[in-house]
Amino acid sequence: MSCMVLVSTYDYYLVASVALIQFAVLASFIYQVFKESRKPMDKEVERVRVNRSSTVINQLEFDAASKNRAGTSDVNESFVNINEDEVRVLSYLLNKGGDAYQAEIARELGLPKSTVSRIIRRLHDKGLITVRRVGRFSYVQITDIDYVSDIVNKSSPGKS
């Protein structure tokens, strides 16, 4: 009888050990899947930051910058239609090096996401920025930093 108790205790520890090993393997697998799912976004953002001067055209990129900029010959013509919130967004992008996520812009400027979305759409339509989907996020990038910097500098003194 004491032998039976010893075997059943041994079986209990064996089953518990196998269950813990399976749990550890499953947790490791879930971690790896989560880690891999975040990699493309990180690689894409890094590629964009490193390769800022190239014209990478992604299927989801809304790139009408050259079409919209072709008709504007002077900075004064472009910034006539730029309002204060658009200048704030452009200034924020310039301070961040020319690119940022749309959600980050909304959070840092204290504006509603819907307002920032409309501002981004207007700036995109004017050809001042491009918007690219990176995963489920919108990545905003200035098309020509010098041009946008001139617009912001010329519109800022008039607003003060």
N, C-alpha and C. Protein backbone atom coordinates (compact mmCIF):
# COMPACT_ATOMS: atom_id res chain seq x y z
N MET A 1 0.81 -1.19 0.00
CA MET A 1 0.00 0.00 0.00
C MET A 1 0.86 1.27 0.00
N SER A 2 1.91 1.27 0.78
CA SER A 2 2.78 2.44 0.80
C SER A 2 3.45 2.64 -0.54
N CYS A 3 3.66 1.58 -1.26
CA CYS A 3 4.23 1.68 -2.61
C CYS A 3 3.26 2.37 -3.56
N MET A 4 1.95 2.09 -3.42
CA MET A 4 0.93 2.74 -4.25
C MET A 4 0.86 4.24 -3.99
N VAL A 5 0.98 4.63 -2.75
CA VAL A 5 0.95 6.05 -2.40
C VAL A 5 2.16 6.74 -3.00
N LEU A 6 3.31 6.09 -2.96
CA LEU A 6 4.52 6.66 -3.51
C LEU A 6 4.41 6.83 -5.02
N VAL A 7 3.84 5.86 -5.72
CA VAL A 7 3.68 5.94 -7.17
C VAL A 7 2.70 7.04 -7.54
N SER A 8 1.59 7.17 -6.84
CA SER A 8 0.62 8.21 -7.18
C SER A 8 1.18 9.60 -6.90
N THR A 9 2.00 9.74 -5.86
CA THR A 9 2.64 11.03 -5.59
C THR A 9 3.64 11.34 -6.71
N TYR A 10 4.37 10.33 -7.13
CA TYR A 10 5.32 10.49 -8.23
C TYR A 10 4.58 10.89 -9.51
N ASP A 11 3.46 10.25 -9.78
CA ASP A 11 2.66 10.59 -10.96
C ASP A 11 2.16 12.04 -10.89
N TYR A 12 1.75 12.46 -9.71
CA TYR A 12 1.27 13.83 -9.54
C TYR A 12 2.37 14.83 -9.88
N TYR A 13 3.57 14.59 -9.36
CA TYR A 13 4.68 15.50 -9.64
C TYR A 13 5.08 15.46 -11.13
N LEU A 14 5.00 14.31 -11.72
CA LEU A 14 5.31 14.16 -13.13
C LEU A 14 4.32 14.95 -14.00
N VAL A 15 3.05 14.81 -13.70
CA VAL A 15 2.02 15.53 -14.45
C VAL A 15 2.16 17.04 -14.23
N ALA A 16 2.42 17.46 -13.01
CA ALA A 16 2.59 18.88 -12.71
C ALA A 16 3.81 19.43 -13.45
N SER A 17 4.89 18.68 -13.51
CA SER A 17 6.10 19.13 -14.21
C SER A 17 5.85 19.28 -15.70
N VAL A 18 5.18 18.31 -16.29
CA VAL A 18 4.87 18.37 -17.71
C VAL A 18 3.97 19.58 -18.00
N ALA A 19 3.00 19.82 -17.13
CA ALA A 19 2.10 20.95 -17.32
C ALA A 19 2.86 22.27 -17.24
N LEU A 20 3.79 22.41 -16.31
CA LEU A 20 4.58 23.64 -16.21
C LEU A 20 5.48 23.84 -17.43
N ILE A 21 6.05 22.75 -17.93
CA ILE A 21 6.89 22.86 -19.13
C ILE A 21 6.05 23.30 -20.32
N GLN A 22 4.86 22.73 -20.46
CA GLN A 22 3.98 23.13 -21.55
C GLN A 22 3.57 24.59 -21.43
N PHE A 23 3.30 25.03 -20.22
CA PHE A 23 2.94 26.44 -20.00
C PHE A 23 4.09 27.36 -20.40
N ALA A 24 5.33 26.99 -20.02
CA ALA A 24 6.49 27.81 -20.35
C ALA A 24 6.70 27.88 -21.86
N VAL A 25 6.53 26.75 -22.54
CA VAL A 25 6.68 26.72 -24.00
C VAL A 25 5.61 27.58 -24.66
N LEU A 26 4.37 27.48 -24.19
CA LEU A 26 3.28 28.27 -24.75
C LEU A 26 3.51 29.77 -24.52
N ALA A 27 3.94 30.13 -23.31
CA ALA A 27 4.21 31.54 -23.02
C ALA A 27 5.33 32.08 -23.90
N SER A 28 6.36 31.27 -24.11
CA SER A 28 7.46 31.68 -24.98
C SER A 28 6.98 31.87 -26.42
N PHE A 29 6.14 30.97 -26.88
CA PHE A 29 5.58 31.07 -28.23
C PHE A 29 4.74 32.34 -28.39
N ILE A 30 3.89 32.62 -27.44
CA ILE A 30 3.05 33.83 -27.50
C ILE A 30 3.92 35.07 -27.50
N TYR A 31 4.96 35.08 -26.69
CA TYR A 31 5.86 36.22 -26.64
C TYR A 31 6.54 36.43 -28.00
N GLN A 32 7.02 35.36 -28.62
CA GLN A 32 7.68 35.46 -29.91
C GLN A 32 6.74 35.97 -31.00
N VAL A 33 5.50 35.49 -30.98
CA VAL A 33 4.52 35.94 -31.97
C VAL A 33 4.26 37.43 -31.78
N PHE A 34 4.10 37.88 -30.55
CA PHE A 34 3.86 39.30 -30.28
C PHE A 34 5.07 40.12 -30.72
N LYS A 35 6.27 39.64 -30.40
CA LYS A 35 7.49 40.35 -30.76
C LYS A 35 7.64 40.46 -32.28
N GLU A 36 7.35 39.38 -33.00
CA GLU A 36 7.45 39.39 -34.45
C GLU A 36 6.38 40.28 -35.09
N SER A 37 5.21 40.36 -34.47
CA SER A 37 4.15 41.18 -35.05
C SER A 37 4.49 42.66 -34.96
N ARG A 38 5.33 43.06 -34.03
CA ARG A 38 5.72 44.46 -33.88
C ARG A 38 6.92 44.80 -34.75
N LYS A 39 7.69 43.82 -35.21
CA LYS A 39 8.90 44.08 -35.97
C LYS A 39 8.68 44.82 -37.28
N PRO A 40 7.73 44.45 -38.12
CA PRO A 40 7.59 45.16 -39.39
C PRO A 40 7.36 46.65 -39.20
N MET A 41 6.57 47.04 -38.19
CA MET A 41 6.33 48.45 -37.97
C MET A 41 7.63 49.13 -37.56
N ASP A 42 8.41 48.52 -36.66
CA ASP A 42 9.65 49.12 -36.22
C ASP A 42 10.64 49.21 -37.38
N LYS A 43 10.74 48.18 -38.21
CA LYS A 43 11.64 48.21 -39.35
C LYS A 43 11.22 49.27 -40.35
N GLU A 44 9.91 49.37 -40.61
CA GLU A 44 9.40 50.35 -41.57
C GLU A 44 9.70 51.76 -41.09
N VAL A 45 9.48 52.04 -39.82
CA VAL A 45 9.74 53.37 -39.29
C VAL A 45 11.21 53.68 -39.36
N GLU A 46 12.07 52.72 -39.01
CA GLU A 46 13.51 52.93 -39.07
C GLU A 46 13.95 53.18 -40.51
N ARG A 47 13.40 52.42 -41.46
CA ARG A 47 13.75 52.59 -42.86
C ARG A 47 13.35 53.98 -43.34
N VAL A 48 12.20 54.45 -42.90
CA VAL A 48 11.72 55.78 -43.30
C VAL A 48 12.61 56.85 -42.70
N ARG A 49 13.00 56.71 -41.43
CA ARG A 49 13.84 57.71 -40.79
C ARG A 49 15.22 57.76 -41.43
N VAL A 50 15.79 56.61 -41.76
CA VAL A 50 17.12 56.57 -42.35
C VAL A 50 17.08 57.03 -43.79
N ASN A 51 16.04 56.69 -44.52
CA ASN A 51 15.97 56.92 -45.95
C ASN A 51 15.01 58.06 -46.27
N ARG A 52 15.09 59.14 -45.54
CA ARG A 52 14.14 60.23 -45.65
C ARG A 52 14.17 60.93 -47.01
N SER A 53 15.32 60.97 -47.65
CA SER A 53 15.43 61.73 -48.90
C SER A 53 14.90 60.95 -50.11
N SER A 54 14.80 59.63 -49.99
CA SER A 54 14.35 58.85 -51.14
C SER A 54 12.83 58.93 -51.27
N THR A 55 12.35 58.60 -52.43
CA THR A 55 10.91 58.63 -52.67
C THR A 55 10.39 57.20 -52.68
N VAL A 56 10.16 56.66 -51.51
CA VAL A 56 9.63 55.32 -51.37
C VAL A 56 8.12 55.40 -51.50
N ILE A 57 7.57 54.69 -52.46
CA ILE A 57 6.14 54.73 -52.67
C ILE A 57 5.56 53.41 -52.24
N ASN A 58 4.77 53.45 -51.19
CA ASN A 58 4.10 52.28 -50.65
C ASN A 58 2.69 52.24 -51.23
N GLN A 59 2.10 51.07 -51.30
CA GLN A 59 0.74 50.95 -51.83
C GLN A 59 -0.24 51.79 -51.03
N LEU A 60 -0.04 51.88 -49.72
CA LEU A 60 -0.96 52.62 -48.87
C LEU A 60 -0.56 54.06 -48.66
N GLU A 61 0.52 54.49 -49.30
CA GLU A 61 0.97 55.87 -49.13
C GLU A 61 0.12 56.80 -49.99
N PHE A 62 -0.32 57.88 -49.42
CA PHE A 62 -1.10 58.86 -50.18
C PHE A 62 -0.11 59.90 -50.68
N ASP A 63 0.40 59.70 -51.89
CA ASP A 63 1.44 60.59 -52.37
C ASP A 63 0.95 61.43 -53.54
N ALA A 64 0.42 62.59 -53.20
CA ALA A 64 0.01 63.53 -54.23
C ALA A 64 0.85 64.78 -54.13
N ALA A 65 1.97 64.69 -53.45
CA ALA A 65 2.77 65.88 -53.17
C ALA A 65 3.28 66.53 -54.44
N SER A 66 3.82 65.76 -55.35
CA SER A 66 4.38 66.37 -56.55
C SER A 66 3.29 66.99 -57.41
N LYS A 67 2.12 66.34 -57.45
CA LYS A 67 1.02 66.87 -58.25
C LYS A 67 0.53 68.20 -57.67
N ASN A 68 0.37 68.26 -56.35
CA ASN A 68 -0.13 69.48 -55.72
C ASN A 68 0.91 70.59 -55.67
N ARG A 69 2.19 70.22 -55.53
CA ARG A 69 3.23 71.23 -55.43
C ARG A 69 3.60 71.80 -56.79
N ALA A 70 3.26 71.12 -57.88
CA ALA A 70 3.64 71.57 -59.21
C ALA A 70 3.03 72.92 -59.53
N GLY A 71 1.83 73.18 -59.05
CA GLY A 71 1.15 74.43 -59.36
C GLY A 71 1.58 75.59 -58.49
N THR A 72 2.20 75.35 -57.35
CA THR A 72 2.58 76.43 -56.44
C THR A 72 4.01 76.83 -56.71
N SER A 73 4.21 78.08 -57.05
CA SER A 73 5.55 78.55 -57.37
C SER A 73 6.13 79.40 -56.25
N ASP A 74 5.30 79.88 -55.34
CA ASP A 74 5.77 80.78 -54.30
C ASP A 74 5.23 80.33 -52.95
N VAL A 75 6.05 80.52 -51.93
CA VAL A 75 5.62 80.18 -50.58
C VAL A 75 4.42 81.01 -50.18
N ASN A 76 4.37 82.27 -50.58
CA ASN A 76 3.27 83.14 -50.19
C ASN A 76 1.93 82.63 -50.70
N GLU A 77 1.91 82.02 -51.88
CA GLU A 77 0.66 81.48 -52.41
C GLU A 77 0.14 80.33 -51.57
N SER A 78 1.04 79.50 -51.05
CA SER A 78 0.64 78.30 -50.31
C SER A 78 0.16 78.61 -48.91
N PHE A 79 0.83 79.53 -48.23
CA PHE A 79 0.49 79.71 -46.83
C PHE A 79 -0.68 80.65 -46.60
N VAL A 80 -1.23 81.20 -47.65
CA VAL A 80 -2.42 82.04 -47.51
C VAL A 80 -3.56 81.22 -46.92
N ASN A 81 -3.68 79.97 -47.31
CA ASN A 81 -4.78 79.13 -46.87
C ASN A 81 -4.44 78.26 -45.67
N ILE A 82 -3.36 78.54 -44.97
CA ILE A 82 -2.97 77.73 -43.82
C ILE A 82 -3.43 78.41 -42.55
N ASN A 83 -4.20 77.66 -41.74
CA ASN A 83 -4.71 78.23 -40.51
C ASN A 83 -3.76 77.94 -39.34
N GLU A 84 -4.11 78.44 -38.16
CA GLU A 84 -3.25 78.35 -36.98
C GLU A 84 -2.98 76.90 -36.56
N ASP A 85 -4.00 76.05 -36.59
CA ASP A 85 -3.82 74.65 -36.20
C ASP A 85 -2.91 73.92 -37.17
N GLU A 86 -3.03 74.23 -38.45
CA GLU A 86 -2.14 73.61 -39.44
C GLU A 86 -0.69 74.02 -39.21
N VAL A 87 -0.49 75.30 -38.84
CA VAL A 87 0.86 75.78 -38.54
C VAL A 87 1.40 75.06 -37.30
N ARG A 88 0.53 74.84 -36.30
CA ARG A 88 0.96 74.12 -35.09
C ARG A 88 1.41 72.70 -35.43
N VAL A 89 0.65 72.02 -36.28
CA VAL A 89 1.00 70.66 -36.67
C VAL A 89 2.32 70.66 -37.45
N LEU A 90 2.45 71.58 -38.40
CA LEU A 90 3.69 71.65 -39.18
C LEU A 90 4.89 71.99 -38.29
N SER A 91 4.70 72.90 -37.33
CA SER A 91 5.78 73.24 -36.41
C SER A 91 6.18 72.04 -35.57
N TYR A 92 5.18 71.29 -35.10
CA TYR A 92 5.47 70.09 -34.32
C TYR A 92 6.27 69.09 -35.15
N LEU A 93 5.84 68.89 -36.40
CA LEU A 93 6.56 67.96 -37.27
C LEU A 93 8.00 68.43 -37.52
N LEU A 94 8.18 69.72 -37.72
CA LEU A 94 9.53 70.25 -37.91
C LEU A 94 10.39 70.02 -36.67
N ASN A 95 9.81 70.23 -35.49
CA ASN A 95 10.55 70.02 -34.25
C ASN A 95 10.90 68.55 -34.04
N LYS A 96 10.10 67.65 -34.57
CA LYS A 96 10.34 66.21 -34.43
C LYS A 96 11.23 65.67 -35.56
N GLY A 97 11.75 66.52 -36.39
CA GLY A 97 12.62 66.07 -37.47
C GLY A 97 11.91 65.82 -38.78
N GLY A 98 10.63 66.18 -38.87
CA GLY A 98 9.91 66.06 -40.13
C GLY A 98 8.93 64.92 -40.20
N ASP A 99 8.85 64.09 -39.15
CA ASP A 99 7.92 62.98 -39.20
C ASP A 99 7.46 62.58 -37.80
N ALA A 100 6.25 62.03 -37.73
CA ALA A 100 5.69 61.57 -36.46
C ALA A 100 4.43 60.78 -36.76
N TYR A 101 3.97 60.04 -35.77
CA TYR A 101 2.70 59.35 -35.89
C TYR A 101 1.56 60.34 -35.64
N GLN A 102 0.45 60.12 -36.32
CA GLN A 102 -0.70 61.01 -36.20
C GLN A 102 -1.23 61.03 -34.77
N ALA A 103 -1.29 59.89 -34.11
CA ALA A 103 -1.77 59.83 -32.73
C ALA A 103 -0.85 60.61 -31.79
N GLU A 104 0.44 60.58 -32.06
CA GLU A 104 1.41 61.32 -31.26
C GLU A 104 1.18 62.83 -31.41
N ILE A 105 0.89 63.25 -32.62
CA ILE A 105 0.62 64.68 -32.88
C ILE A 105 -0.60 65.12 -32.07
N ALA A 106 -1.66 64.33 -32.12
CA ALA A 106 -2.89 64.68 -31.39
C ALA A 106 -2.62 64.75 -29.90
N ARG A 107 -1.88 63.78 -29.38
CA ARG A 107 -1.61 63.73 -27.94
C ARG A 107 -0.75 64.92 -27.51
N GLU A 108 0.32 65.19 -28.23
CA GLU A 108 1.25 66.24 -27.83
C GLU A 108 0.67 67.65 -27.99
N LEU A 109 -0.17 67.85 -28.99
CA LEU A 109 -0.75 69.18 -29.20
C LEU A 109 -2.06 69.36 -28.44
N GLY A 110 -2.59 68.29 -27.84
CA GLY A 110 -3.82 68.39 -27.08
C GLY A 110 -5.04 68.62 -27.94
N LEU A 111 -5.00 68.13 -29.16
CA LEU A 111 -6.13 68.28 -30.08
C LEU A 111 -6.86 66.95 -30.20
N PRO A 112 -8.17 66.99 -30.46
CA PRO A 112 -8.90 65.73 -30.70
C PRO A 112 -8.37 65.02 -31.94
N LYS A 113 -8.44 63.70 -31.92
CA LYS A 113 -7.94 62.90 -33.05
C LYS A 113 -8.67 63.25 -34.34
N SER A 114 -9.96 63.53 -34.24
CA SER A 114 -10.73 63.87 -35.44
C SER A 114 -10.25 65.19 -36.04
N THR A 115 -9.93 66.15 -35.18
CA THR A 115 -9.42 67.44 -35.66
C THR A 115 -8.07 67.26 -36.34
N VAL A 116 -7.20 66.48 -35.72
CA VAL A 116 -5.89 66.23 -36.31
C VAL A 116 -6.04 65.50 -37.64
N SER A 117 -6.98 64.58 -37.71
CA SER A 117 -7.21 63.85 -38.96
C SER A 117 -7.61 64.81 -40.08
N ARG A 118 -8.48 65.77 -39.78
CA ARG A 118 -8.88 66.75 -40.79
C ARG A 118 -7.72 67.65 -41.19
N ILE A 119 -6.93 68.07 -40.20
CA ILE A 119 -5.76 68.92 -40.47
C ILE A 119 -4.78 68.17 -41.36
N ILE A 120 -4.52 66.91 -41.02
CA ILE A 120 -3.60 66.09 -41.81
C ILE A 120 -4.10 65.95 -43.25
N ARG A 121 -5.39 65.73 -43.41
CA ARG A 121 -5.97 65.59 -44.76
C ARG A 121 -5.77 66.89 -45.55
N ARG A 122 -6.03 68.05 -44.91
CA ARG A 122 -5.86 69.33 -45.61
C ARG A 122 -4.40 69.57 -45.99
N LEU A 123 -3.48 69.27 -45.07
CA LEU A 123 -2.06 69.46 -45.35
C LEU A 123 -1.60 68.51 -46.46
N HIS A 124 -2.15 67.31 -46.44
CA HIS A 124 -1.83 66.35 -47.51
C HIS A 124 -2.35 66.86 -48.86
N ASP A 125 -3.58 67.37 -48.86
CA ASP A 125 -4.16 67.89 -50.10
C ASP A 125 -3.37 69.08 -50.65
N LYS A 126 -2.72 69.83 -49.76
CA LYS A 126 -1.89 70.96 -50.19
C LYS A 126 -0.50 70.51 -50.62
N GLY A 127 -0.20 69.22 -50.42
CA GLY A 127 1.09 68.69 -50.85
C GLY A 127 2.23 68.95 -49.88
N LEU A 128 1.91 69.32 -48.65
CA LEU A 128 2.96 69.63 -47.68
C LEU A 128 3.44 68.39 -46.92
N ILE A 129 2.60 67.37 -46.84
CA ILE A 129 2.96 66.16 -46.11
C ILE A 129 2.52 64.92 -46.89
N THR A 130 3.09 63.78 -46.52
CA THR A 130 2.60 62.49 -47.01
C THR A 130 2.15 61.70 -45.78
N VAL A 131 1.21 60.81 -45.99
CA VAL A 131 0.69 59.96 -44.92
C VAL A 131 0.83 58.53 -45.37
N ARG A 132 1.39 57.71 -44.50
CA ARG A 132 1.60 56.31 -44.81
C ARG A 132 1.04 55.47 -43.67
N ARG A 133 0.37 54.39 -44.01
CA ARG A 133 -0.12 53.46 -43.00
C ARG A 133 1.03 52.54 -42.62
N VAL A 134 1.34 52.48 -41.35
CA VAL A 134 2.34 51.57 -40.80
C VAL A 134 1.60 50.72 -39.77
N GLY A 135 1.28 49.52 -40.18
CA GLY A 135 0.44 48.70 -39.30
C GLY A 135 -0.94 49.33 -39.23
N ARG A 136 -1.36 49.63 -38.03
CA ARG A 136 -2.67 50.28 -37.87
C ARG A 136 -2.54 51.76 -37.54
N PHE A 137 -1.35 52.28 -37.72
CA PHE A 137 -1.09 53.68 -37.40
C PHE A 137 -0.82 54.49 -38.67
N SER A 138 -1.06 55.79 -38.58
CA SER A 138 -0.76 56.69 -39.69
C SER A 138 0.55 57.41 -39.38
N TYR A 139 1.48 57.32 -40.30
CA TYR A 139 2.79 57.94 -40.15
C TYR A 139 2.84 59.14 -41.07
N VAL A 140 3.04 60.32 -40.50
CA VAL A 140 3.00 61.58 -41.23
C VAL A 140 4.42 62.07 -41.44
N GLN A 141 4.71 62.52 -42.67
CA GLN A 141 6.05 62.98 -42.99
C GLN A 141 5.97 64.22 -43.88
N ILE A 142 6.78 65.20 -43.57
CA ILE A 142 6.84 66.43 -44.37
C ILE A 142 7.51 66.11 -45.70
N THR A 143 6.96 66.64 -46.79
CA THR A 143 7.51 66.35 -48.11
C THR A 143 8.81 67.12 -48.36
N ASP A 144 8.85 68.40 -48.01
CA ASP A 144 10.04 69.22 -48.24
C ASP A 144 10.25 70.09 -47.00
N ILE A 145 11.22 69.73 -46.19
CA ILE A 145 11.42 70.40 -44.90
C ILE A 145 11.73 71.88 -45.07
N ASP A 146 12.55 72.24 -46.02
CA ASP A 146 12.91 73.66 -46.22
C ASP A 146 11.68 74.48 -46.64
N TYR A 147 10.91 73.94 -47.54
CA TYR A 147 9.71 74.62 -48.03
C TYR A 147 8.71 74.84 -46.89
N VAL A 148 8.46 73.79 -46.11
CA VAL A 148 7.51 73.88 -45.00
C VAL A 148 8.05 74.81 -43.91
N SER A 149 9.35 74.77 -43.69
CA SER A 149 9.96 75.66 -42.71
C SER A 149 9.75 77.13 -43.10
N ASP A 150 9.89 77.43 -44.39
CA ASP A 150 9.63 78.80 -44.87
C ASP A 150 8.18 79.20 -44.63
N ILE A 151 7.27 78.28 -44.90
CA ILE A 151 5.84 78.56 -44.69
C ILE A 151 5.56 78.85 -43.22
N VAL A 152 6.09 78.01 -42.34
CA VAL A 152 5.86 78.19 -40.90
C VAL A 152 6.47 79.49 -40.42
N ASN A 153 7.69 79.79 -40.86
CA ASN A 153 8.35 81.03 -40.45
C ASN A 153 7.61 82.27 -40.94
N LYS A 154 7.07 82.21 -42.14
CA LYS A 154 6.36 83.38 -42.68
C LYS A 154 4.97 83.53 -42.08
N SER A 155 4.36 82.46 -41.65
CA SER A 155 3.01 82.56 -41.10
C SER A 155 3.02 82.80 -39.60
N SER A 156 4.08 82.44 -38.89
CA SER A 156 4.14 82.62 -37.44
C SER A 156 4.17 84.07 -37.00
N PRO A 157 5.00 84.96 -37.57
CA PRO A 157 5.00 86.35 -37.13
C PRO A 157 3.67 87.06 -37.37
N GLY A 158 2.98 86.70 -38.43
CA GLY A 158 1.71 87.34 -38.73
C GLY A 158 0.62 86.96 -37.74
N LYS A 159 0.73 85.78 -37.10
CA LYS A 159 -0.27 85.33 -36.16
C LYS A 159 -0.06 85.92 -34.79
N SER A 160 1.16 86.34 -34.44
CA SER A 160 1.45 86.84 -33.09
C SER A 160 0.99 88.26 -32.93
